[in-house]
């Protein structure tokens, strides 16, 4: 084992669950809901912006799609984690932060994990079928990204970019679910989300940089090294600009758009100020603060929904 650090939770409500359930809870990462929020929120942003820009969409329709996306995010994030753990079971066993995951620890067998994955994918497909044709097509297009992403760290120093492509696909699906098409504002949200993910997942990757270097796993944390703050600052700065252009594209005036940029940039600057790239706990705390950023963005999108 290379580290005495894990972010897996065994206390609280997890400990109260039957022992045989706990492995599946950990496999689905239900003990760490941060990933659900990071997957869900770009879709919710897009739903609110698209609904605000489309007078024909009722409150009920918007709320129904928001609910479907919540359920879908829980299910598909779980499916993505199972796929990741199936691909990475040999790597996870070599890193102490991940060695206690259910498959390398033996809590869940490979066969059990595969059957669990099939169930999750079937349920996710049922949820997807409740949306319109455009959203269904986009949802199916995203599946290869979900399957391939865990392999990227074996071949490129940019797996965080592939995570961005995957995790922010909800920004496209959400707009299509409301409007039946993809607008420029949706594409800007998607692009901004990719840059945002490049930033926060580089921060997250710094937790494992020493172990990754030893076992041959690649990441932007290793590629950027001591210049990581400059790179993350660049990603965040571009993300703030592109998010602002998306708001402007759906009808925000100049002053409200400048206000949005200021709020977004302030949170990103705060993250960079708080982040110690050589402290695992600092990396984890700053990474998790992106849930708060996601909700901040949601408030800005909700304003567009009620104000446009």
C-alpha atoms as a PDB file:
ATOM      1  CA  UNK A   1       0.000   0.000   0.000  1.00  0.00           C
ATOM      2  CA  UNK A   2       1.286   3.446  -0.903  1.00  0.00           C
ATOM      3  CA  UNK A   3      -0.913   5.753   1.159  1.00  0.00           C
ATOM      4  CA  UNK A   4      -2.849   5.921   4.357  1.00  0.00           C
ATOM      5  CA  UNK A   5      -5.739   7.911   2.974  1.00  0.00           C
ATOM      6  CA  UNK A   6      -9.218   7.054   1.730  1.00  0.00           C
ATOM      7  CA  UNK A   7     -12.342   9.070   1.004  1.00  0.00           C
ATOM      8  CA  UNK A   8     -14.644   6.041   1.383  1.00  0.00           C
ATOM      9  CA  UNK A   9     -17.173   6.454   4.192  1.00  0.00           C
ATOM     10  CA  UNK A  10     -18.020   3.589   6.504  1.00  0.00           C
ATOM     11  CA  UNK A  11     -19.793   5.559   9.251  1.00  0.00           C
ATOM     12  CA  UNK A  12     -23.188   7.235   9.631  1.00  0.00           C
ATOM     13  CA  UNK A  13     -26.106   5.845   7.654  1.00  0.00           C
ATOM     14  CA  UNK A  14     -23.781   3.471   5.764  1.00  0.00           C
ATOM     15  CA  UNK A  15     -22.983   1.568   8.969  1.00  0.00           C
ATOM     16  CA  UNK A  16     -26.717   1.140   9.653  1.00  0.00           C
ATOM     17  CA  UNK A  17     -27.284  -0.669   6.346  1.00  0.00           C
ATOM     18  CA  UNK A  18     -27.146  -4.494   6.070  1.00  0.00           C
ATOM     19  CA  UNK A  19     -23.583  -5.645   5.486  1.00  0.00           C
ATOM     20  CA  UNK A  20     -24.332  -7.144   2.056  1.00  0.00           C
ATOM     21  CA  UNK A  21     -25.805  -3.816   0.924  1.00  0.00           C
ATOM     22  CA  UNK A  22     -22.788  -1.781   1.953  1.00  0.00           C
ATOM     23  CA  UNK A  23     -20.595  -3.087  -0.868  1.00  0.00           C
ATOM     24  CA  UNK A  24     -23.134  -1.981  -3.477  1.00  0.00           C
ATOM     25  CA  UNK A  25     -23.590   1.393  -1.749  1.00  0.00           C
ATOM     26  CA  UNK A  26     -19.839   1.952  -1.955  1.00  0.00           C
ATOM     27  CA  UNK A  27     -19.720   0.624  -5.523  1.00  0.00           C
ATOM     28  CA  UNK A  28     -22.379   3.161  -6.548  1.00  0.00           C
ATOM     29  CA  UNK A  29     -20.562   5.878  -4.521  1.00  0.00           C
ATOM     30  CA  UNK A  30     -23.780   6.702  -2.676  1.00  0.00           C
ATOM     31  CA  UNK A  31     -21.600   7.435   0.355  1.00  0.00           C
ATOM     32  CA  UNK A  32     -20.044  10.297  -1.637  1.00  0.00           C
ATOM     33  CA  UNK A  33     -22.832  12.187  -3.454  1.00  0.00           C
ATOM     34  CA  UNK A  34     -20.513  14.926  -4.732  1.00  0.00           C
ATOM     35  CA  UNK A  35     -20.244  13.084  -8.062  1.00  0.00           C
ATOM     36  CA  UNK A  36     -24.026  13.016  -8.421  1.00  0.00           C
ATOM     37  CA  UNK A  37     -24.181  16.793  -8.066  1.00  0.00           C
ATOM     38  CA  UNK A  38     -21.317  17.398 -10.491  1.00  0.00           C
ATOM     39  CA  UNK A  39     -23.070  15.213 -13.076  1.00  0.00           C
ATOM     40  CA  UNK A  40     -26.564  16.560 -12.413  1.00  0.00           C
ATOM     41  CA  UNK A  41     -26.049  20.304 -12.137  1.00  0.00           C
ATOM     42  CA  UNK A  42     -24.976  21.069 -15.745  1.00  0.00           C
ATOM     43  CA  UNK A  43     -28.203  19.412 -16.883  1.00  0.00           C
ATOM     44  CA  UNK A  44     -30.248  21.447 -14.431  1.00  0.00           C
ATOM     45  CA  UNK A  45     -28.520  24.660 -15.551  1.00  0.00           C
ATOM     46  CA  UNK A  46     -29.472  23.910 -19.131  1.00  0.00           C
ATOM     47  CA  UNK A  47     -33.064  22.984 -18.282  1.00  0.00           C
ATOM     48  CA  UNK A  48     -33.638  26.292 -16.490  1.00  0.00           C
ATOM     49  CA  UNK A  49     -32.009  28.367 -19.243  1.00  0.00           C
ATOM     50  CA  UNK A  50     -33.903  26.552 -22.008  1.00  0.00           C
ATOM     51  CA  UNK A  51     -37.213  26.820 -20.143  1.00  0.00           C
ATOM     52  CA  UNK A  52     -36.666  30.513 -19.484  1.00  0.00           C
ATOM     53  CA  UNK A  53     -36.001  31.120 -23.165  1.00  0.00           C
ATOM     54  CA  UNK A  54     -39.051  29.108 -24.298  1.00  0.00           C
ATOM     55  CA  UNK A  55     -42.412  30.608 -23.317  1.00  0.00           C
ATOM     56  CA  UNK A  56     -44.285  27.487 -24.450  1.00  0.00           C
ATOM     57  CA  UNK A  57     -42.772  25.376 -21.657  1.00  0.00           C
ATOM     58  CA  UNK A  58     -44.844  25.167 -18.470  1.00  0.00           C
ATOM     59  CA  UNK A  59     -43.602  25.006 -14.882  1.00  0.00           C
ATOM     60  CA  UNK A  60     -44.900  21.441 -14.678  1.00  0.00           C
ATOM     61  CA  UNK A  61     -42.920  20.336 -17.737  1.00  0.00           C
ATOM     62  CA  UNK A  62     -39.776  21.924 -16.336  1.00  0.00           C
ATOM     63  CA  UNK A  63     -40.187  20.307 -12.920  1.00  0.00           C
ATOM     64  CA  UNK A  64     -40.883  16.912 -14.501  1.00  0.00           C
ATOM     65  CA  UNK A  65     -37.681  17.055 -16.567  1.00  0.00           C
ATOM     66  CA  UNK A  66     -35.718  18.254 -13.517  1.00  0.00           C
ATOM     67  CA  UNK A  67     -36.968  15.219 -11.579  1.00  0.00           C
ATOM     68  CA  UNK A  68     -36.091  12.815 -14.396  1.00  0.00           C
ATOM     69  CA  UNK A  69     -32.597  14.277 -14.551  1.00  0.00           C
ATOM     70  CA  UNK A  70     -32.146  13.862 -10.807  1.00  0.00           C
ATOM     71  CA  UNK A  71     -33.091  10.189 -10.937  1.00  0.00           C
ATOM     72  CA  UNK A  72     -31.036   9.691 -14.083  1.00  0.00           C
ATOM     73  CA  UNK A  73     -27.969  11.333 -12.548  1.00  0.00           C
ATOM     74  CA  UNK A  74     -28.095   9.090  -9.481  1.00  0.00           C
ATOM     75  CA  UNK A  75     -28.444   5.977 -11.637  1.00  0.00           C
ATOM     76  CA  UNK A  76     -25.924   6.860 -14.346  1.00  0.00           C
ATOM     77  CA  UNK A  77     -23.320   8.166 -11.937  1.00  0.00           C
ATOM     78  CA  UNK A  78     -23.603   4.820 -10.149  1.00  0.00           C
ATOM     79  CA  UNK A  79     -23.277   2.991 -13.483  1.00  0.00           C
ATOM     80  CA  UNK A  80     -20.238   5.053 -14.402  1.00  0.00           C
ATOM     81  CA  UNK A  81     -18.597   4.239 -11.073  1.00  0.00           C
ATOM     82  CA  UNK A  82     -19.208   0.506 -11.568  1.00  0.00           C
ATOM     83  CA  UNK A  83     -17.699   0.683 -15.070  1.00  0.00           C
ATOM     84  CA  UNK A  84     -14.737   2.598 -13.661  1.00  0.00           C
ATOM     85  CA  UNK A  85     -14.176   0.047 -10.892  1.00  0.00           C
ATOM     86  CA  UNK A  86     -14.441  -2.900 -13.273  1.00  0.00           C
ATOM     87  CA  UNK A  87     -11.812  -1.388 -15.564  1.00  0.00           C
ATOM     88  CA  UNK A  88      -9.587  -0.248 -12.687  1.00  0.00           C
ATOM     89  CA  UNK A  89      -9.799  -3.160 -10.261  1.00  0.00           C
ATOM     90  CA  UNK A  90      -6.094  -4.017 -10.636  1.00  0.00           C
ATOM     91  CA  UNK A  91      -4.990  -0.387 -10.378  1.00  0.00           C
ATOM     92  CA  UNK A  92      -7.268   0.301  -7.387  1.00  0.00           C
ATOM     93  CA  UNK A  93      -5.669  -2.557  -5.460  1.00  0.00           C
ATOM     94  CA  UNK A  94      -2.292  -0.766  -5.662  1.00  0.00           C
ATOM     95  CA  UNK A  95      -3.436   2.596  -4.274  1.00  0.00           C
ATOM     96  CA  UNK A  96      -4.523   2.791  -0.656  1.00  0.00           C
ATOM     97  CA  UNK A  97      -7.106   5.530  -1.299  1.00  0.00           C
ATOM     98  CA  UNK A  98      -8.922   3.078  -3.577  1.00  0.00           C
ATOM     99  CA  UNK A  99      -7.808  -0.318  -2.223  1.00  0.00           C
ATOM    100  CA  UNK A 100     -10.895  -0.512   0.012  1.00  0.00           C
ATOM    101  CA  UNK A 101     -13.284  -0.134  -2.914  1.00  0.00           C
ATOM    102  CA  UNK A 102     -15.686  -3.095  -3.096  1.00  0.00           C
ATOM    103  CA  UNK A 103     -14.134  -5.024  -5.996  1.00  0.00           C
ATOM    104  CA  UNK A 104     -10.437  -4.975  -4.966  1.00  0.00           C
ATOM    105  CA  UNK A 105     -11.400  -5.520  -1.312  1.00  0.00           C
ATOM    106  CA  UNK A 106     -13.616  -8.506  -2.213  1.00  0.00           C
ATOM    107  CA  UNK A 107     -16.844  -7.022  -0.839  1.00  0.00           C
ATOM    108  CA  UNK A 108     -18.420  -7.355  -4.318  1.00  0.00           C
ATOM    109  CA  UNK A 109     -17.294  -9.861  -6.956  1.00  0.00           C
ATOM    110  CA  UNK A 110     -16.701  -8.954 -10.594  1.00  0.00           C
ATOM    111  CA  UNK A 111     -19.780 -10.978 -11.602  1.00  0.00           C
ATOM    112  CA  UNK A 112     -21.953  -9.246  -9.001  1.00  0.00           C
ATOM    113  CA  UNK A 113     -20.682  -5.844 -10.129  1.00  0.00           C
ATOM    114  CA  UNK A 114     -21.448  -6.659 -13.765  1.00  0.00           C
ATOM    115  CA  UNK A 115     -25.010  -7.760 -12.961  1.00  0.00           C
ATOM    116  CA  UNK A 116     -25.487  -4.623 -10.857  1.00  0.00           C
ATOM    117  CA  UNK A 117     -24.272  -2.559 -13.817  1.00  0.00           C
ATOM    118  CA  UNK A 118     -26.773  -4.193 -16.179  1.00  0.00           C
ATOM    119  CA  UNK A 119     -29.589  -3.359 -13.775  1.00  0.00           C
ATOM    120  CA  UNK A 120     -28.465   0.264 -13.494  1.00  0.00           C
ATOM    121  CA  UNK A 121     -28.182   0.660 -17.274  1.00  0.00           C
ATOM    122  CA  UNK A 122     -31.640  -0.848 -17.807  1.00  0.00           C
ATOM    123  CA  UNK A 123     -33.160   1.542 -15.255  1.00  0.00           C
ATOM    124  CA  UNK A 124     -31.280   4.474 -16.772  1.00  0.00           C
ATOM    125  CA  UNK A 125     -32.599   3.584 -20.225  1.00  0.00           C
ATOM    126  CA  UNK A 126     -36.178   3.549 -18.903  1.00  0.00           C
ATOM    127  CA  UNK A 127     -35.639   7.055 -17.499  1.00  0.00           C
ATOM    128  CA  UNK A 128     -34.147   8.227 -20.806  1.00  0.00           C
ATOM    129  CA  UNK A 129     -37.195   6.955 -22.721  1.00  0.00           C
ATOM    130  CA  UNK A 130     -39.387   9.453 -20.837  1.00  0.00           C
ATOM    131  CA  UNK A 131     -37.682  12.301 -22.736  1.00  0.00           C
ATOM    132  CA  UNK A 132     -38.149  13.450 -26.331  1.00  0.00           C
ATOM    133  CA  UNK A 133     -36.405  11.914 -29.337  1.00  0.00           C
ATOM    134  CA  UNK A 134     -33.593  14.478 -29.485  1.00  0.00           C
ATOM    135  CA  UNK A 135     -32.723  13.935 -25.826  1.00  0.00           C
ATOM    136  CA  UNK A 136     -32.873  10.139 -26.212  1.00  0.00           C
ATOM    137  CA  UNK A 137     -30.445  10.242 -29.150  1.00  0.00           C
ATOM    138  CA  UNK A 138     -28.023  12.454 -27.217  1.00  0.00           C
ATOM    139  CA  UNK A 139     -28.294  10.178 -24.185  1.00  0.00           C
ATOM    140  CA  UNK A 140     -27.320   7.178 -26.302  1.00  0.00           C
ATOM    141  CA  UNK A 141     -24.451   9.111 -27.908  1.00  0.00           C
ATOM    142  CA  UNK A 142     -23.048   9.726 -24.424  1.00  0.00           C
ATOM    143  CA  UNK A 143     -22.852   6.020 -23.499  1.00  0.00           C
ATOM    144  CA  UNK A 144     -19.550   5.294 -25.330  1.00  0.00           C
ATOM    145  CA  UNK A 145     -17.959   8.197 -23.436  1.00  0.00           C
ATOM    146  CA  UNK A 146     -19.116   6.723 -20.120  1.00  0.00           C
ATOM    147  CA  UNK A 147     -17.626   3.344 -21.028  1.00  0.00           C
ATOM    148  CA  UNK A 148     -14.341   4.667 -22.453  1.00  0.00           C
ATOM    149  CA  UNK A 149     -13.506   7.387 -19.928  1.00  0.00           C
ATOM    150  CA  UNK A 150     -11.926   5.114 -17.263  1.00  0.00           C
ATOM    151  CA  UNK A 151      -9.440   3.820 -19.856  1.00  0.00           C
ATOM    152  CA  UNK A 152      -8.131   7.248 -20.793  1.00  0.00           C
ATOM    153  CA  UNK A 153      -5.673   7.528 -17.894  1.00  0.00           C
ATOM    154  CA  UNK A 154      -3.790   4.582 -19.380  1.00  0.00           C
ATOM    155  CA  UNK A 155      -3.164   6.357 -22.700  1.00  0.00           C
ATOM    156  CA  UNK A 156      -3.182  10.121 -22.162  1.00  0.00           C
ATOM    157  CA  UNK A 157      -2.271  12.763 -19.602  1.00  0.00           C
ATOM    158  CA  UNK A 158      -5.662  14.368 -20.332  1.00  0.00           C
ATOM    159  CA  UNK A 159      -8.256  11.985 -18.829  1.00  0.00           C
ATOM    160  CA  UNK A 160      -9.775  15.030 -17.115  1.00  0.00           C
ATOM    161  CA  UNK A 161     -10.735  16.384 -20.543  1.00  0.00           C
ATOM    162  CA  UNK A 162     -12.602  13.161 -21.330  1.00  0.00           C
ATOM    163  CA  UNK A 163     -14.334  13.389 -17.955  1.00  0.00           C
ATOM    164  CA  UNK A 164     -15.414  16.908 -18.906  1.00  0.00           C
ATOM    165  CA  UNK A 165     -16.835  15.691 -22.210  1.00  0.00           C
ATOM    166  CA  UNK A 166     -18.756  12.977 -20.344  1.00  0.00           C
ATOM    167  CA  UNK A 167     -19.911  14.697 -17.163  1.00  0.00           C
ATOM    168  CA  UNK A 168     -21.246  17.812 -18.873  1.00  0.00           C
ATOM    169  CA  UNK A 169     -23.241  16.055 -21.584  1.00  0.00           C
ATOM    170  CA  UNK A 170     -26.324  16.804 -19.505  1.00  0.00           C
ATOM    171  CA  UNK A 171     -26.030  20.435 -20.620  1.00  0.00           C
ATOM    172  CA  UNK A 172     -26.818  19.267 -24.164  1.00  0.00           C
ATOM    173  CA  UNK A 173     -29.401  16.655 -23.184  1.00  0.00           C
ATOM    174  CA  UNK A 174     -31.193  19.084 -20.857  1.00  0.00           C
ATOM    175  CA  UNK A 175     -31.615  21.732 -23.530  1.00  0.00           C
ATOM    176  CA  UNK A 176     -32.783  19.162 -26.064  1.00  0.00           C
ATOM    177  CA  UNK A 177     -35.266  17.726 -23.546  1.00  0.00           C
ATOM    178  CA  UNK A 178     -36.913  21.143 -23.253  1.00  0.00           C
ATOM    179  CA  UNK A 179     -36.494  22.628 -26.718  1.00  0.00           C
ATOM    180  CA  UNK A 180     -36.056  19.608 -28.997  1.00  0.00           C
ATOM    181  CA  UNK A 181     -32.749  20.937 -30.316  1.00  0.00           C
ATOM    182  CA  UNK A 182     -29.337  22.183 -29.201  1.00  0.00           C
ATOM    183  CA  UNK A 183     -28.827  25.950 -29.151  1.00  0.00           C
ATOM    184  CA  UNK A 184     -25.612  27.977 -29.104  1.00  0.00           C
ATOM    185  CA  UNK A 185     -26.262  28.742 -25.429  1.00  0.00           C
ATOM    186  CA  UNK A 186     -26.314  24.995 -24.710  1.00  0.00           C
ATOM    187  CA  UNK A 187     -23.046  24.487 -26.590  1.00  0.00           C
ATOM    188  CA  UNK A 188     -21.476  27.310 -24.587  1.00  0.00           C
ATOM    189  CA  UNK A 189     -22.686  25.752 -21.335  1.00  0.00           C
ATOM    190  CA  UNK A 190     -21.168  22.458 -22.436  1.00  0.00           C
ATOM    191  CA  UNK A 191     -17.844  24.052 -23.371  1.00  0.00           C
ATOM    192  CA  UNK A 192     -17.709  25.995 -20.116  1.00  0.00           C
ATOM    193  CA  UNK A 193     -18.539  22.839 -18.198  1.00  0.00           C
ATOM    194  CA  UNK A 194     -15.671  20.949 -19.843  1.00  0.00           C
ATOM    195  CA  UNK A 195     -13.220  23.655 -18.752  1.00  0.00           C
ATOM    196  CA  UNK A 196     -14.730  23.697 -15.258  1.00  0.00           C
ATOM    197  CA  UNK A 197     -14.261  19.930 -15.013  1.00  0.00           C
ATOM    198  CA  UNK A 198     -10.679  20.196 -16.252  1.00  0.00           C
ATOM    199  CA  UNK A 199     -10.081  22.528 -13.337  1.00  0.00           C
ATOM    200  CA  UNK A 200     -11.780  20.685 -10.501  1.00  0.00           C
ATOM    201  CA  UNK A 201     -10.657  17.218 -11.579  1.00  0.00           C
ATOM    202  CA  UNK A 202      -7.043  18.366 -11.836  1.00  0.00           C
ATOM    203  CA  UNK A 203      -7.414  19.484  -8.220  1.00  0.00           C
ATOM    204  CA  UNK A 204      -8.868  16.064  -7.351  1.00  0.00           C
ATOM    205  CA  UNK A 205      -6.087  14.226  -9.213  1.00  0.00           C
ATOM    206  CA  UNK A 206      -3.426  15.857  -7.048  1.00  0.00           C
ATOM    207  CA  UNK A 207      -4.513  13.538  -4.216  1.00  0.00           C
ATOM    208  CA  UNK A 208      -3.034  10.547  -6.056  1.00  0.00           C
ATOM    209  CA  UNK A 209      -0.196  12.116  -8.037  1.00  0.00           C
ATOM    210  CA  UNK A 210       2.635  10.275  -6.231  1.00  0.00           C
ATOM    211  CA  UNK A 211       0.943   6.883  -6.470  1.00  0.00           C
ATOM    212  CA  UNK A 212      -0.112   7.516 -10.073  1.00  0.00           C
ATOM    213  CA  UNK A 213       3.479   8.280 -11.042  1.00  0.00           C
ATOM    214  CA  UNK A 214       4.657   5.017  -9.478  1.00  0.00           C
ATOM    215  CA  UNK A 215       2.089   2.769 -11.144  1.00  0.00           C
ATOM    216  CA  UNK A 216       1.999   4.506 -14.536  1.00  0.00           C
ATOM    217  CA  UNK A 217      -1.418   6.188 -14.352  1.00  0.00           C
ATOM    218  CA  UNK A 218      -1.572   9.537 -16.171  1.00  0.00           C
ATOM    219  CA  UNK A 219      -3.368  12.745 -15.243  1.00  0.00           C
ATOM    220  CA  UNK A 220      -3.266  16.491 -15.757  1.00  0.00           C
ATOM    221  CA  UNK A 221      -1.940  16.752 -12.190  1.00  0.00           C
ATOM    222  CA  UNK A 222       1.206  14.933 -13.312  1.00  0.00           C
ATOM    223  CA  UNK A 223       1.399  16.776 -16.629  1.00  0.00           C
ATOM    224  CA  UNK A 224       1.115  20.256 -15.105  1.00  0.00           C
ATOM    225  CA  UNK A 225       3.081  19.530 -11.923  1.00  0.00           C
ATOM    226  CA  UNK A 226       4.005  22.675  -9.997  1.00  0.00           C
ATOM    227  CA  UNK A 227       2.325  24.812 -12.673  1.00  0.00           C
ATOM    228  CA  UNK A 228      -1.076  23.270 -11.908  1.00  0.00           C
ATOM    229  CA  UNK A 229      -2.454  26.422 -10.270  1.00  0.00           C
ATOM    230  CA  UNK A 230      -1.707  28.428 -13.397  1.00  0.00           C
ATOM    231  CA  UNK A 231      -3.382  25.824 -15.603  1.00  0.00           C
ATOM    232  CA  UNK A 232      -6.419  25.471 -13.339  1.00  0.00           C
ATOM    233  CA  UNK A 233      -6.669  29.259 -13.137  1.00  0.00           C
ATOM    234  CA  UNK A 234      -6.635  29.398 -16.938  1.00  0.00           C
ATOM    235  CA  UNK A 235      -9.339  26.740 -17.238  1.00  0.00           C
ATOM    236  CA  UNK A 236     -11.477  28.495 -14.637  1.00  0.00           C
ATOM    237  CA  UNK A 237     -10.996  31.906 -16.259  1.00  0.00           C
ATOM    238  CA  UNK A 238     -12.092  30.618 -19.661  1.00  0.00           C
ATOM    239  CA  UNK A 239     -15.001  28.746 -18.057  1.00  0.00           C
ATOM    240  CA  UNK A 240     -16.192  31.953 -16.358  1.00  0.00           C
ATOM    241  CA  UNK A 241     -16.061  33.824 -19.672  1.00  0.00           C
ATOM    242  CA  UNK A 242     -17.881  31.103 -21.625  1.00  0.00           C
ATOM    243  CA  UNK A 243     -20.565  30.644 -18.949  1.00  0.00           C
ATOM    244  CA  UNK A 244     -21.163  34.407 -19.075  1.00  0.00           C
ATOM    245  CA  UNK A 245     -21.502  34.315 -22.867  1.00  0.00           C
ATOM    246  CA  UNK A 246     -24.109  31.583 -22.434  1.00  0.00           C
ATOM    247  CA  UNK A 247     -26.141  33.801 -20.091  1.00  0.00           C
ATOM    248  CA  UNK A 248     -25.806  36.719 -22.480  1.00  0.00           C
ATOM    249  CA  UNK A 249     -26.958  34.457 -25.311  1.00  0.00           C
ATOM    250  CA  UNK A 250     -30.301  33.749 -23.626  1.00  0.00           C
ATOM    251  CA  UNK A 251     -31.105  37.410 -23.051  1.00  0.00           C
ATOM    252  CA  UNK A 252     -29.120  38.658 -20.068  1.00  0.00           C
ATOM    253  CA  UNK A 253     -28.225  42.312 -20.503  1.00  0.00           C
ATOM    254  CA  UNK A 254     -24.675  43.627 -20.351  1.00  0.00           C
ATOM    255  CA  UNK A 255     -24.739  44.580 -16.667  1.00  0.00           C
ATOM    256  CA  UNK A 256     -26.363  41.316 -15.465  1.00  0.00           C
ATOM    257  CA  UNK A 257     -23.842  39.378 -17.575  1.00  0.00           C
ATOM    258  CA  UNK A 258     -20.956  41.287 -15.992  1.00  0.00           C
ATOM    259  CA  UNK A 259     -22.492  40.550 -12.590  1.00  0.00           C
ATOM    260  CA  UNK A 260     -22.622  36.836 -13.418  1.00  0.00           C
ATOM    261  CA  UNK A 261     -18.984  36.874 -14.521  1.00  0.00           C
ATOM    262  CA  UNK A 262     -17.963  38.598 -11.294  1.00  0.00           C
ATOM    263  CA  UNK A 263     -19.778  36.072  -9.098  1.00  0.00           C
ATOM    264  CA  UNK A 264     -18.418  33.069 -11.010  1.00  0.00           C
ATOM    265  CA  UNK A 265     -14.859  34.413 -11.122  1.00  0.00           C
ATOM    266  CA  UNK A 266     -14.925  35.237  -7.398  1.00  0.00           C
ATOM    267  CA  UNK A 267     -15.709  31.632  -6.486  1.00  0.00           C
ATOM    268  CA  UNK A 268     -12.988  30.316  -8.771  1.00  0.00           C
ATOM    269  CA  UNK A 269     -10.430  32.736  -7.285  1.00  0.00           C
ATOM    270  CA  UNK A 270     -11.460  31.628  -3.784  1.00  0.00           C
ATOM    271  CA  UNK A 271     -10.861  27.995  -4.762  1.00  0.00           C
ATOM    272  CA  UNK A 272      -7.372  28.753  -6.039  1.00  0.00           C
ATOM    273  CA  UNK A 273      -6.573  30.721  -2.889  1.00  0.00           C
ATOM    274  CA  UNK A 274      -7.673  27.875  -0.623  1.00  0.00           C
ATOM    275  CA  UNK A 275      -6.016  25.064  -2.590  1.00  0.00           C
ATOM    276  CA  UNK A 276      -2.774  23.505  -1.362  1.00  0.00           C
ATOM    277  CA  UNK A 277      -1.871  21.050  -4.123  1.00  0.00           C
ATOM    278  CA  UNK A 278       0.434  19.045  -1.833  1.00  0.00           C
ATOM    279  CA  UNK A 279      -2.202  18.492   0.881  1.00  0.00           C
ATOM    280  CA  UNK A 280      -4.645  15.669   0.145  1.00  0.00           C
ATOM    281  CA  UNK A 281      -7.306  17.010   2.494  1.00  0.00           C
ATOM    282  CA  UNK A 282      -7.056  20.458   0.916  1.00  0.00           C
ATOM    283  CA  UNK A 283      -7.430  18.931  -2.552  1.00  0.00           C
ATOM    284  CA  UNK A 284     -10.535  17.038  -1.444  1.00  0.00           C
ATOM    285  CA  UNK A 285     -12.110  20.064   0.290  1.00  0.00           C
ATOM    286  CA  UNK A 286     -11.580  22.391  -2.659  1.00  0.00           C
ATOM    287  CA  UNK A 287     -12.784  19.732  -5.093  1.00  0.00           C
ATOM    288  CA  UNK A 288     -15.981  19.282  -3.060  1.00  0.00           C
ATOM    289  CA  UNK A 289     -16.561  23.054  -3.020  1.00  0.00           C
ATOM    290  CA  UNK A 290     -17.453  22.746  -6.700  1.00  0.00           C
ATOM    291  CA  UNK A 291     -20.837  21.438  -5.635  1.00  0.00           C
ATOM    292  CA  UNK A 292     -21.373  24.888  -4.099  1.00  0.00           C
ATOM    293  CA  UNK A 293     -20.198  26.496  -7.323  1.00  0.00           C
ATOM    294  CA  UNK A 294     -22.679  24.329  -9.215  1.00  0.00           C
ATOM    295  CA  UNK A 295     -25.528  25.559  -7.025  1.00  0.00           C
ATOM    296  CA  UNK A 296     -24.332  29.137  -7.460  1.00  0.00           C
ATOM    297  CA  UNK A 297     -24.589  28.650 -11.210  1.00  0.00           C
ATOM    298  CA  UNK A 298     -28.012  27.092 -10.697  1.00  0.00           C
ATOM    299  CA  UNK A 299     -29.216  30.250  -8.954  1.00  0.00           C
ATOM    300  CA  UNK A 300     -28.021  32.347 -11.894  1.00  0.00           C
ATOM    301  CA  UNK A 301     -29.824  30.018 -14.312  1.00  0.00           C
ATOM    302  CA  UNK A 302     -32.964  30.064 -12.159  1.00  0.00           C
ATOM    303  CA  UNK A 303     -32.947  33.855 -12.355  1.00  0.00           C
ATOM    304  CA  UNK A 304     -32.988  33.526 -16.135  1.00  0.00           C
ATOM    305  CA  UNK A 305     -35.860  31.042 -15.819  1.00  0.00           C
ATOM    306  CA  UNK A 306     -38.075  33.368 -13.784  1.00  0.00           C
ATOM    307  CA  UNK A 307     -36.892  36.645 -15.271  1.00  0.00           C
ATOM    308  CA  UNK A 308     -36.685  36.164 -19.020  1.00  0.00           C
END
